[in-house]
Amino acid sequence: MTDIPDLLLNDGTAIPQVGLGVYQVPPDDTAALVRAALEMGYRHIDTAQGYGNEAGVGEGLRASGVPREDVWITTKLDDPFHGDAAPAALDDSLARLGTDYVDLFLVHRPGDGDDVDTWQALESLRVDGRARSIGLSNFTRDGIERLVAAHGVVPSVHQIRLNPRTPQSPMRRYHRRRGIATESWAPLREGKLARDPIVRRIAARHGRTPAQVVLRWHLQHGLIVFPKSSNPERLRENLDVTGFELTRTDLAALGLLRRKP
């Protein structure tokens, strides 16, 4: 078991800072991938209703033999199921996952004006225990503030596209003020950052892979990250990001990536 740190959320739950994302993983391949990841030491799986592979996540969890309570599972509310439809949609996810709760339930993206009702529905799911934590994905600051103003419930997590090339600094500052944890999707920028000369030079100095350097950047900025890979060697590498530390010079060099074309 690797020593992946947890981050404490504003609702008192603790989320593993590194996980496995299963976006675009074919449903028929998901169970084997999740099982392999859990056997390597992963304890955080990020899926969504729209990915079509929740059943595979549940199958992989059961096949791994890892107790349900030791694994953090995130899923996301698909676009058609806003407002009053959210509880039934989560029940369908739970049936596919084969569990009676998820650790984190996110609104996948803003809807067509009914997000206040949806957010209220998610809070009811948190209260009754079907979702241990609730949050948002791909919202704007104004969109988040509208939901908080309507119900007084601050999201535990906001998941956004974030990496050294697109560091989302204003949104991260807002999250810190609000006590919202930031999750990074596309943390490696679809693999492009692993080919960047700056990243590769830093990796060579540390004796690490370029992907490990980028993932370490996320960890040192207090971000939650869940890269995707179906390659067993890369799965292990993506989890092995706690045994080194980027220097101030490294972080400054990586900060230059946001200015690159």
C-alpha atoms as a PDB file:
ATOM      1  CA  MET A   1       0.000   0.000   0.000  1.00  0.00           C
ATOM      2  CA  THR A   2       1.455   3.355  -1.019  1.00  0.00           C
ATOM      3  CA  ASP A   3       1.481   6.318   1.284  1.00  0.00           C
ATOM      4  CA  ILE A   4      -1.047   8.547  -0.470  1.00  0.00           C
ATOM      5  CA  PRO A   5      -2.078  11.488   1.718  1.00  0.00           C
ATOM      6  CA  ASP A   6      -5.681  12.349   2.536  1.00  0.00           C
ATOM      7  CA  LEU A   7      -7.162  15.830   2.402  1.00  0.00           C
ATOM      8  CA  LEU A   8      -9.776  16.850   4.945  1.00  0.00           C
ATOM      9  CA  LEU A   9     -12.908  18.307   3.327  1.00  0.00           C
ATOM     10  CA  ASN A  10     -15.095  21.012   4.814  1.00  0.00           C
ATOM     11  CA  ASP A  11     -17.692  18.414   5.838  1.00  0.00           C
ATOM     12  CA  GLY A  12     -15.176  16.447   7.928  1.00  0.00           C
ATOM     13  CA  THR A  13     -14.578  13.577   5.494  1.00  0.00           C
ATOM     14  CA  ALA A  14     -11.079  12.701   4.260  1.00  0.00           C
ATOM     15  CA  ILE A  15     -10.444  12.081   0.560  1.00  0.00           C
ATOM     16  CA  PRO A  16      -7.347  10.346  -0.880  1.00  0.00           C
ATOM     17  CA  GLN A  17      -5.413  12.989  -2.791  1.00  0.00           C
ATOM     18  CA  VAL A  18      -4.523  10.656  -5.696  1.00  0.00           C
ATOM     19  CA  GLY A  19      -6.985   8.401  -7.467  1.00  0.00           C
ATOM     20  CA  LEU A  20      -7.821   6.725 -10.748  1.00  0.00           C
ATOM     21  CA  GLY A  21     -10.028   8.374 -13.336  1.00  0.00           C
ATOM     22  CA  VAL A  22     -12.033   6.136 -15.658  1.00  0.00           C
ATOM     23  CA  TYR A  23     -13.214   8.724 -18.191  1.00  0.00           C
ATOM     24  CA  GLN A  24     -13.378   7.114 -21.663  1.00  0.00           C
ATOM     25  CA  VAL A  25     -12.457   3.689 -20.287  1.00  0.00           C
ATOM     26  CA  PRO A  26     -14.648   1.214 -22.229  1.00  0.00           C
ATOM     27  CA  PRO A  27     -17.250  -0.430 -19.990  1.00  0.00           C
ATOM     28  CA  ASP A  28     -15.939  -3.909 -20.844  1.00  0.00           C
ATOM     29  CA  ASP A  29     -12.425  -2.928 -19.679  1.00  0.00           C
ATOM     30  CA  THR A  30     -13.353  -1.029 -16.535  1.00  0.00           C
ATOM     31  CA  ALA A  31     -13.672  -3.903 -14.067  1.00  0.00           C
ATOM     32  CA  ALA A  32     -10.220  -5.313 -14.817  1.00  0.00           C
ATOM     33  CA  LEU A  33      -8.632  -1.862 -14.669  1.00  0.00           C
ATOM     34  CA  VAL A  34     -10.262  -0.960 -11.359  1.00  0.00           C
ATOM     35  CA  ARG A  35      -9.358  -4.319  -9.850  1.00  0.00           C
ATOM     36  CA  ALA A  36      -5.724  -3.922 -10.916  1.00  0.00           C
ATOM     37  CA  ALA A  37      -5.555  -0.374  -9.572  1.00  0.00           C
ATOM     38  CA  LEU A  38      -7.017  -1.327  -6.206  1.00  0.00           C
ATOM     39  CA  GLU A  39      -4.633  -4.255  -5.918  1.00  0.00           C
ATOM     40  CA  MET A  40      -1.745  -1.811  -6.530  1.00  0.00           C
ATOM     41  CA  GLY A  41      -2.911   0.432  -3.717  1.00  0.00           C
ATOM     42  CA  TYR A  42      -5.313   2.937  -5.276  1.00  0.00           C
ATOM     43  CA  ARG A  43      -8.140   3.833  -2.913  1.00  0.00           C
ATOM     44  CA  HIS A  44      -9.974   6.502  -4.920  1.00  0.00           C
ATOM     45  CA  ILE A  45     -11.950   5.930  -8.135  1.00  0.00           C
ATOM     46  CA  ASP A  46     -13.576   8.761 -10.104  1.00  0.00           C
ATOM     47  CA  THR A  47     -16.422   7.853 -12.472  1.00  0.00           C
ATOM     48  CA  ALA A  48     -19.663   9.444 -13.702  1.00  0.00           C
ATOM     49  CA  GLN A  49     -23.097   8.443 -14.901  1.00  0.00           C
ATOM     50  CA  GLY A  50     -22.189   9.801 -18.313  1.00  0.00           C
ATOM     51  CA  TYR A  51     -19.116   7.571 -18.602  1.00  0.00           C
ATOM     52  CA  GLY A  52     -21.282   4.450 -18.846  1.00  0.00           C
ATOM     53  CA  ASN A  53     -18.893   2.371 -16.742  1.00  0.00           C
ATOM     54  CA  GLU A  54     -20.208   2.587 -13.158  1.00  0.00           C
ATOM     55  CA  ALA A  55     -21.111  -1.121 -13.227  1.00  0.00           C
ATOM     56  CA  GLY A  56     -17.526  -1.962 -14.126  1.00  0.00           C
ATOM     57  CA  VAL A  57     -16.248   0.133 -11.225  1.00  0.00           C
ATOM     58  CA  GLY A  58     -18.445  -1.832  -8.840  1.00  0.00           C
ATOM     59  CA  GLU A  59     -17.443  -5.153 -10.364  1.00  0.00           C
ATOM     60  CA  GLY A  60     -13.759  -4.279 -10.104  1.00  0.00           C
ATOM     61  CA  LEU A  61     -14.155  -3.242  -6.481  1.00  0.00           C
ATOM     62  CA  ARG A  62     -15.836  -6.518  -5.560  1.00  0.00           C
ATOM     63  CA  ALA A  63     -13.265  -8.582  -7.475  1.00  0.00           C
ATOM     64  CA  SER A  64     -10.372  -6.803  -5.737  1.00  0.00           C
ATOM     65  CA  GLY A  65     -11.443  -7.927  -2.277  1.00  0.00           C
ATOM     66  CA  VAL A  66     -10.756  -4.467  -0.887  1.00  0.00           C
ATOM     67  CA  PRO A  67     -13.471  -3.539   1.640  1.00  0.00           C
ATOM     68  CA  ARG A  68     -15.964  -0.976   0.355  1.00  0.00           C
ATOM     69  CA  GLU A  69     -15.293   1.333   3.297  1.00  0.00           C
ATOM     70  CA  ASP A  70     -11.607   1.572   2.309  1.00  0.00           C
ATOM     71  CA  VAL A  71     -12.315   2.942  -1.181  1.00  0.00           C
ATOM     72  CA  TRP A  72     -13.451   6.449  -2.071  1.00  0.00           C
ATOM     73  CA  ILE A  73     -15.908   6.399  -4.988  1.00  0.00           C
ATOM     74  CA  THR A  74     -16.966   9.540  -6.801  1.00  0.00           C
ATOM     75  CA  THR A  75     -19.703   9.668  -9.401  1.00  0.00           C
ATOM     76  CA  LYS A  76     -21.404  12.566 -11.142  1.00  0.00           C
ATOM     77  CA  LEU A  77     -24.974  13.506 -11.960  1.00  0.00           C
ATOM     78  CA  ASP A  78     -25.574  13.339 -15.697  1.00  0.00           C
ATOM     79  CA  ASP A  79     -27.095  16.288 -17.551  1.00  0.00           C
ATOM     80  CA  PRO A  80     -30.698  15.044 -18.002  1.00  0.00           C
ATOM     81  CA  PHE A  81     -31.214  14.374 -14.294  1.00  0.00           C
ATOM     82  CA  HIS A  82     -31.360  17.768 -12.625  1.00  0.00           C
ATOM     83  CA  GLY A  83     -33.675  18.930  -9.866  1.00  0.00           C
ATOM     84  CA  ASP A  84     -36.143  16.421  -8.485  1.00  0.00           C
ATOM     85  CA  ALA A  85     -34.745  13.660 -10.723  1.00  0.00           C
ATOM     86  CA  ALA A  86     -31.378  13.685  -8.912  1.00  0.00           C
ATOM     87  CA  PRO A  87     -32.249  11.254  -6.064  1.00  0.00           C
ATOM     88  CA  ALA A  88     -33.613   8.604  -8.440  1.00  0.00           C
ATOM     89  CA  ALA A  89     -30.564   9.080 -10.682  1.00  0.00           C
ATOM     90  CA  LEU A  90     -28.251   8.472  -7.742  1.00  0.00           C
ATOM     91  CA  ASP A  91     -30.224   5.371  -6.778  1.00  0.00           C
ATOM     92  CA  ASP A  92     -29.616   4.066 -10.295  1.00  0.00           C
ATOM     93  CA  SER A  93     -25.885   4.763  -9.894  1.00  0.00           C
ATOM     94  CA  LEU A  94     -25.843   2.939  -6.563  1.00  0.00           C
ATOM     95  CA  ALA A  95     -27.500  -0.072  -8.169  1.00  0.00           C
ATOM     96  CA  ARG A  96     -24.898  -0.113 -10.948  1.00  0.00           C
ATOM     97  CA  LEU A  97     -22.033   0.321  -8.483  1.00  0.00           C
ATOM     98  CA  GLY A  98     -23.463  -2.292  -6.141  1.00  0.00           C
ATOM     99  CA  THR A  99     -23.170  -0.117  -3.052  1.00  0.00           C
ATOM    100  CA  ASP A 100     -25.570   1.790  -0.825  1.00  0.00           C
ATOM    101  CA  TYR A 101     -23.646   5.066  -0.844  1.00  0.00           C
ATOM    102  CA  VAL A 102     -21.052   7.051  -2.777  1.00  0.00           C
ATOM    103  CA  ASP A 103     -18.339   9.041  -1.077  1.00  0.00           C
ATOM    104  CA  LEU A 104     -18.774  12.030  -3.375  1.00  0.00           C
ATOM    105  CA  PHE A 105     -21.630  13.010  -5.691  1.00  0.00           C
ATOM    106  CA  LEU A 106     -21.004  15.902  -8.074  1.00  0.00           C
ATOM    107  CA  VAL A 107     -23.207  17.904 -10.417  1.00  0.00           C
ATOM    108  CA  HIS A 108     -21.256  17.198 -13.591  1.00  0.00           C
ATOM    109  CA  ARG A 109     -21.835  20.581 -15.214  1.00  0.00           C
ATOM    110  CA  PRO A 110     -24.245  23.530 -14.952  1.00  0.00           C
ATOM    111  CA  GLY A 111     -27.735  22.881 -16.236  1.00  0.00           C
ATOM    112  CA  ASP A 112     -30.419  25.012 -17.841  1.00  0.00           C
ATOM    113  CA  GLY A 113     -31.437  27.128 -14.892  1.00  0.00           C
ATOM    114  CA  ASP A 114     -32.500  24.451 -12.390  1.00  0.00           C
ATOM    115  CA  ASP A 115     -29.206  24.117 -10.536  1.00  0.00           C
ATOM    116  CA  VAL A 116     -30.603  25.595  -7.304  1.00  0.00           C
ATOM    117  CA  ASP A 117     -33.170  22.788  -7.068  1.00  0.00           C
ATOM    118  CA  THR A 118     -30.504  20.250  -7.989  1.00  0.00           C
ATOM    119  CA  TRP A 119     -28.162  21.507  -5.292  1.00  0.00           C
ATOM    120  CA  GLN A 120     -30.955  21.285  -2.721  1.00  0.00           C
ATOM    121  CA  ALA A 121     -31.599  17.694  -3.833  1.00  0.00           C
ATOM    122  CA  LEU A 122     -27.913  16.811  -3.421  1.00  0.00           C
ATOM    123  CA  GLU A 123     -27.921  18.229   0.094  1.00  0.00           C
ATOM    124  CA  SER A 124     -30.859  15.970   0.960  1.00  0.00           C
ATOM    125  CA  LEU A 125     -28.836  13.013  -0.355  1.00  0.00           C
ATOM    126  CA  ARG A 126     -25.932  14.024   1.857  1.00  0.00           C
ATOM    127  CA  VAL A 127     -28.200  14.261   4.882  1.00  0.00           C
ATOM    128  CA  ASP A 128     -29.697  10.801   4.328  1.00  0.00           C
ATOM    129  CA  GLY A 129     -26.264   9.249   3.743  1.00  0.00           C
ATOM    130  CA  ARG A 130     -26.551   8.144   0.140  1.00  0.00           C
ATOM    131  CA  ALA A 131     -23.784  10.637  -0.676  1.00  0.00           C
ATOM    132  CA  ARG A 132     -21.202  11.229   2.041  1.00  0.00           C
ATOM    133  CA  SER A 133     -20.001  14.454   0.397  1.00  0.00           C
ATOM    134  CA  ILE A 134     -21.399  16.634  -2.397  1.00  0.00           C
ATOM    135  CA  GLY A 135     -19.854  19.035  -4.841  1.00  0.00           C
ATOM    136  CA  LEU A 136     -19.765  20.516  -8.308  1.00  0.00           C
ATOM    137  CA  SER A 137     -17.832  20.209 -11.543  1.00  0.00           C
ATOM    138  CA  ASN A 138     -17.160  22.795 -14.251  1.00  0.00           C
ATOM    139  CA  PHE A 139     -19.065  25.653 -12.591  1.00  0.00           C
ATOM    140  CA  THR A 140     -18.154  29.328 -12.579  1.00  0.00           C
ATOM    141  CA  ARG A 141     -17.535  31.305  -9.421  1.00  0.00           C
ATOM    142  CA  ASP A 142     -20.841  33.153  -9.911  1.00  0.00           C
ATOM    143  CA  GLY A 143     -22.634  29.848 -10.400  1.00  0.00           C
ATOM    144  CA  ILE A 144     -21.273  28.501  -7.135  1.00  0.00           C
ATOM    145  CA  GLU A 145     -22.154  31.675  -5.263  1.00  0.00           C
ATOM    146  CA  ARG A 146     -25.740  31.497  -6.517  1.00  0.00           C
ATOM    147  CA  LEU A 147     -26.135  28.013  -5.086  1.00  0.00           C
ATOM    148  CA  VAL A 148     -24.538  28.927  -1.766  1.00  0.00           C
ATOM    149  CA  ALA A 149     -26.723  32.029  -1.483  1.00  0.00           C
ATOM    150  CA  ALA A 150     -29.871  29.989  -2.109  1.00  0.00           C
ATOM    151  CA  HIS A 151     -29.249  27.247   0.468  1.00  0.00           C
ATOM    152  CA  GLY A 152     -26.181  28.183   2.511  1.00  0.00           C
ATOM    153  CA  VAL A 153     -24.473  24.897   1.605  1.00  0.00           C
ATOM    154  CA  VAL A 154     -20.886  25.269   0.410  1.00  0.00           C
ATOM    155  CA  PRO A 155     -19.649  22.490  -1.912  1.00  0.00           C
ATOM    156  CA  SER A 156     -17.029  20.205  -0.418  1.00  0.00           C
ATOM    157  CA  VAL A 157     -15.305  19.837  -3.793  1.00  0.00           C
ATOM    158  CA  HIS A 158     -15.191  21.604  -7.140  1.00  0.00           C
ATOM    159  CA  GLN A 159     -13.722  19.621 -10.036  1.00  0.00           C
ATOM    160  CA  ILE A 160     -12.258  21.668 -12.898  1.00  0.00           C
ATOM    161  CA  ARG A 161      -9.826  21.327 -15.793  1.00  0.00           C
ATOM    162  CA  LEU A 162      -6.508  22.182 -14.176  1.00  0.00           C
ATOM    163  CA  ASN A 163      -2.819  21.576 -14.835  1.00  0.00           C
ATOM    164  CA  PRO A 164       0.407  23.630 -14.926  1.00  0.00           C
ATOM    165  CA  ARG A 165      -0.497  24.957 -18.383  1.00  0.00           C
ATOM    166  CA  THR A 166      -3.985  25.964 -17.171  1.00  0.00           C
ATOM    167  CA  PRO A 167      -3.440  26.544 -13.425  1.00  0.00           C
ATOM    168  CA  GLN A 168      -6.804  28.223 -12.731  1.00  0.00           C
ATOM    169  CA  SER A 169      -5.189  30.492 -10.120  1.00  0.00           C
ATOM    170  CA  PRO A 170      -8.181  32.840  -9.561  1.00  0.00           C
ATOM    171  CA  MET A 171     -10.569  29.918  -9.065  1.00  0.00           C
ATOM    172  CA  ARG A 172      -8.147  28.209  -6.691  1.00  0.00           C
ATOM    173  CA  ARG A 173      -7.876  31.379  -4.618  1.00  0.00           C
ATOM    174  CA  TYR A 174     -11.665  31.537  -4.477  1.00  0.00           C
ATOM    175  CA  HIS A 175     -11.828  27.902  -3.393  1.00  0.00           C
ATOM    176  CA  ARG A 176      -9.384  28.558  -0.571  1.00  0.00           C
ATOM    177  CA  ARG A 177     -11.471  31.472   0.694  1.00  0.00           C
ATOM    178  CA  ARG A 178     -14.613  29.327   0.607  1.00  0.00           C
ATOM    179  CA  GLY A 179     -12.983  26.197   2.022  1.00  0.00           C
ATOM    180  CA  ILE A 180     -13.695  24.193  -1.134  1.00  0.00           C
ATOM    181  CA  ALA A 181     -11.259  21.448  -2.153  1.00  0.00           C
ATOM    182  CA  THR A 182     -10.055  21.604  -5.758  1.00  0.00           C
ATOM    183  CA  GLU A 183      -9.983  18.526  -7.968  1.00  0.00           C
ATOM    184  CA  SER A 184      -8.037  18.545 -11.236  1.00  0.00           C
ATOM    185  CA  TRP A 185      -9.329  16.862 -14.345  1.00  0.00           C
ATOM    186  CA  ALA A 186      -6.995  16.546 -17.360  1.00  0.00           C
ATOM    187  CA  PRO A 187      -4.084  16.876 -14.886  1.00  0.00           C
ATOM    188  CA  LEU A 188      -1.515  15.894 -17.523  1.00  0.00           C
ATOM    189  CA  ARG A 189      -3.234  17.899 -20.284  1.00  0.00           C
ATOM    190  CA  GLU A 190      -4.045  14.708 -22.194  1.00  0.00           C
ATOM    191  CA  GLY A 191      -0.390  13.663 -21.944  1.00  0.00           C
ATOM    192  CA  LYS A 192       0.979  16.790 -23.634  1.00  0.00           C
ATOM    193  CA  LEU A 193       2.785  18.019 -20.512  1.00  0.00           C
ATOM    194  CA  ALA A 194       4.783  14.796 -20.264  1.00  0.00           C
ATOM    195  CA  ARG A 195       6.431  15.766 -23.571  1.00  0.00           C
ATOM    196  CA  ASP A 196       7.286  19.330 -22.544  1.00  0.00           C
ATOM    197  CA  PRO A 197      11.059  20.042 -22.361  1.00  0.00           C
ATOM    198  CA  ILE A 198      10.767  21.887 -19.033  1.00  0.00           C
ATOM    199  CA  VAL A 199       8.948  18.962 -17.446  1.00  0.00           C
ATOM    200  CA  ARG A 200      11.385  16.459 -18.919  1.00  0.00           C
ATOM    201  CA  ARG A 201      14.427  18.329 -17.567  1.00  0.00           C
ATOM    202  CA  ILE A 202      12.943  18.423 -14.063  1.00  0.00           C
ATOM    203  CA  ALA A 203      12.087  14.732 -14.298  1.00  0.00           C
ATOM    204  CA  ALA A 204      15.663  13.873 -15.285  1.00  0.00           C
ATOM    205  CA  ARG A 205      17.059  15.776 -12.290  1.00  0.00           C
ATOM    206  CA  HIS A 206      14.822  13.850  -9.901  1.00  0.00           C
ATOM    207  CA  GLY A 207      15.126  10.478 -11.616  1.00  0.00           C
ATOM    208  CA  ARG A 208      11.363  10.466 -12.133  1.00  0.00           C
ATOM    209  CA  THR A 209       9.014  10.313 -15.101  1.00  0.00           C
ATOM    210  CA  PRO A 210       7.585  13.524 -16.556  1.00  0.00           C
ATOM    211  CA  ALA A 211       4.084  12.419 -15.527  1.00  0.00           C
ATOM    212  CA  GLN A 212       5.242  11.954 -11.931  1.00  0.00           C
ATOM    213  CA  VAL A 213       6.635  15.500 -11.925  1.00  0.00           C
ATOM    214  CA  VAL A 214       3.320  16.955 -13.101  1.00  0.00           C
ATOM    215  CA  LEU A 215       1.317  14.912 -10.616  1.00  0.00           C
ATOM    216  CA  ARG A 216       3.694  15.978  -7.845  1.00  0.00           C
ATOM    217  CA  TRP A 217       3.002  19.601  -8.854  1.00  0.00           C
ATOM    218  CA  HIS A 218      -0.692  18.959  -8.193  1.00  0.00           C
ATOM    219  CA  LEU A 219      -0.020  17.408  -4.797  1.00  0.00           C
ATOM    220  CA  GLN A 220       2.264  20.211  -3.640  1.00  0.00           C
ATOM    221  CA  HIS A 221      -0.442  22.721  -4.554  1.00  0.00           C
ATOM    222  CA  GLY A 222      -2.974  20.867  -2.389  1.00  0.00           C
ATOM    223  CA  LEU A 223      -4.989  19.569  -5.343  1.00  0.00           C
ATOM    224  CA  ILE A 224      -6.823  16.253  -5.695  1.00  0.00           C
ATOM    225  CA  VAL A 225      -5.822  14.428  -8.845  1.00  0.00           C
ATOM    226  CA  PHE A 226      -6.957  11.245 -10.632  1.00  0.00           C
ATOM    227  CA  PRO A 227      -4.974  10.531 -13.806  1.00  0.00           C
ATOM    228  CA  LYS A 228      -6.172   7.835 -16.186  1.00  0.00           C
ATOM    229  CA  SER A 229      -4.084   5.018 -17.619  1.00  0.00           C
ATOM    230  CA  SER A 230      -4.726   1.441 -18.657  1.00  0.00           C
ATOM    231  CA  ASN A 231      -1.005   0.639 -18.736  1.00  0.00           C
ATOM    232  CA  PRO A 232       0.009  -1.276 -15.557  1.00  0.00           C
ATOM    233  CA  GLU A 233       3.460   0.322 -15.408  1.00  0.00           C
ATOM    234  CA  ARG A 234       2.022   3.810 -15.709  1.00  0.00           C
ATOM    235  CA  LEU A 235      -0.647   3.017 -13.143  1.00  0.00           C
ATOM    236  CA  ARG A 236       2.122   2.220 -10.670  1.00  0.00           C
ATOM    237  CA  GLU A 237       4.126   5.299 -11.633  1.00  0.00           C
ATOM    238  CA  ASN A 238       1.110   7.584 -11.217  1.00  0.00           C
ATOM    239  CA  LEU A 239       0.633   6.294  -7.687  1.00  0.00           C
ATOM    240  CA  ASP A 240       4.324   6.639  -6.771  1.00  0.00           C
ATOM    241  CA  VAL A 241       4.428  10.400  -6.299  1.00  0.00           C
ATOM    242  CA  THR A 242       5.105  10.793  -2.582  1.00  0.00           C
ATOM    243  CA  GLY A 243       8.792   9.864  -2.385  1.00  0.00           C
ATOM    244  CA  PHE A 244      10.220  13.124  -3.734  1.00  0.00           C
ATOM    245  CA  GLU A 245       9.560  16.847  -3.585  1.00  0.00           C
ATOM    246  CA  LEU A 246       9.761  19.574  -6.196  1.00  0.00           C
ATOM    247  CA  THR A 247      12.007  22.477  -5.244  1.00  0.00           C
ATOM    248  CA  ARG A 248      11.096  26.147  -5.423  1.00  0.00           C
ATOM    249  CA  THR A 249      13.163  26.333  -8.593  1.00  0.00           C
ATOM    250  CA  ASP A 250      11.214  23.427 -10.079  1.00  0.00           C
ATOM    251  CA  LEU A 251       7.881  25.027  -9.195  1.00  0.00           C
ATOM    252  CA  ALA A 252       8.976  28.350 -10.677  1.00  0.00           C
ATOM    253  CA  ALA A 253      10.003  26.622 -13.909  1.00  0.00           C
ATOM    254  CA  LEU A 254       6.692  24.788 -14.106  1.00  0.00           C
ATOM    255  CA  GLY A 255       4.957  28.114 -13.539  1.00  0.00           C
ATOM    256  CA  LEU A 256       6.362  29.251 -16.893  1.00  0.00           C
ATOM    257  CA  LEU A 257       4.240  26.665 -18.692  1.00  0.00           C
ATOM    258  CA  ARG A 258       1.144  28.841 -18.383  1.00  0.00           C
ATOM    259  CA  ARG A 259       2.757  31.401 -20.728  1.00  0.00           C
ATOM    260  CA  LYS A 260       3.677  28.914 -23.430  1.00  0.00           C
ATOM    261  CA  PRO A 261       1.676  28.851 -26.672  1.00  0.00           C
END
